[in-house]
Amino acid sequence: MSDARPPAKIALLSDVHGNLPAFEAVLADIAGAGCEETWCLGDLVGYGAEPDECVALAREACDVCLVGNHDLVVVGKLDIAAFSENAAIAARWTRERIGAEAVEFLSGLDPADESHELGLYHASPRDPVWEYVLSAPDATCCMDAMGPRVGAIGHSHVALWFARAEDGATRGEVAPAGTRLDVSKGEWLLNPGGVGQPRDGDPRAGWLLLDTDTWTAEWRRVEYPIDEAADAIRRAGLPQALADRLYIGQ
């Protein structure tokens, strides 16, 4: 792990999933918050209908970017049979249409990065591609496998946190919009939630503001034109369920 001091204000985001209107809205909110850098935890593509546009925007706007399982299947590094029906349909659609520049960019990314003071993992520290961290026991095992004291995870599309205190007890909760926590002590796993397909009941696009001067974390949600993203999915001929779920955050 590098001893270099991280930027004071870092925007953490994950799971864009080809949803360009949501990505643009989050980046506008990040710019207004005065963040010094933007770090993406992966899954730029999959489900949504604008993969090339989202990859191009990430190349421009994100200072650090990981690769997620949906990115990996699109570039041919995972077996499409491992995905659910709608995810597989979207992956095939994306494979057939994504441009060479986007494939090249995604192919050069890793699913984990412990070169910073903050650990970055698409899914988890012990399985950065596939594991969903949604319980305290799983979080405990992941913290055991984690190098840095604080880690950021995506993949589940759920804004949440887990903390392990000095007594070894791990607790965690979903983090509604506006949740602000002191993460200066103990071990932590922080999930910013999903940009392009939230699954925690709040359809707004999610991201997390981490201040490393004070080690505080703030979960934020952003309104975006869901109709635009849903209409793009319908026009592309992708499953209707992928459009419908955007309205309910599930």
Foldseek 3Di string as FASTA:
>chain_A
DAPDADFQKEKEAEAQAQQVQLVVQVLVVVVVVVGPFYEYQENQHFLFQHSQVSLVVCVVHHPHYAYEQLLCVLLPNDDLVVDDDLRSLRSVLCNVDHDPVSSVVNVPHHQWDPNHLETGAAAALVDRHDHHPDDQVVVLVRCVSDDHQEYEYEDVLFWKKWFAAPVGDIDMDGAPAFDKDQPPDGGMYGYQGHRHAHAHFDLFGKMWMARPVRRMIGIHGGDGPLVVRLVSCVVSVRDNVSSVRSVGRD
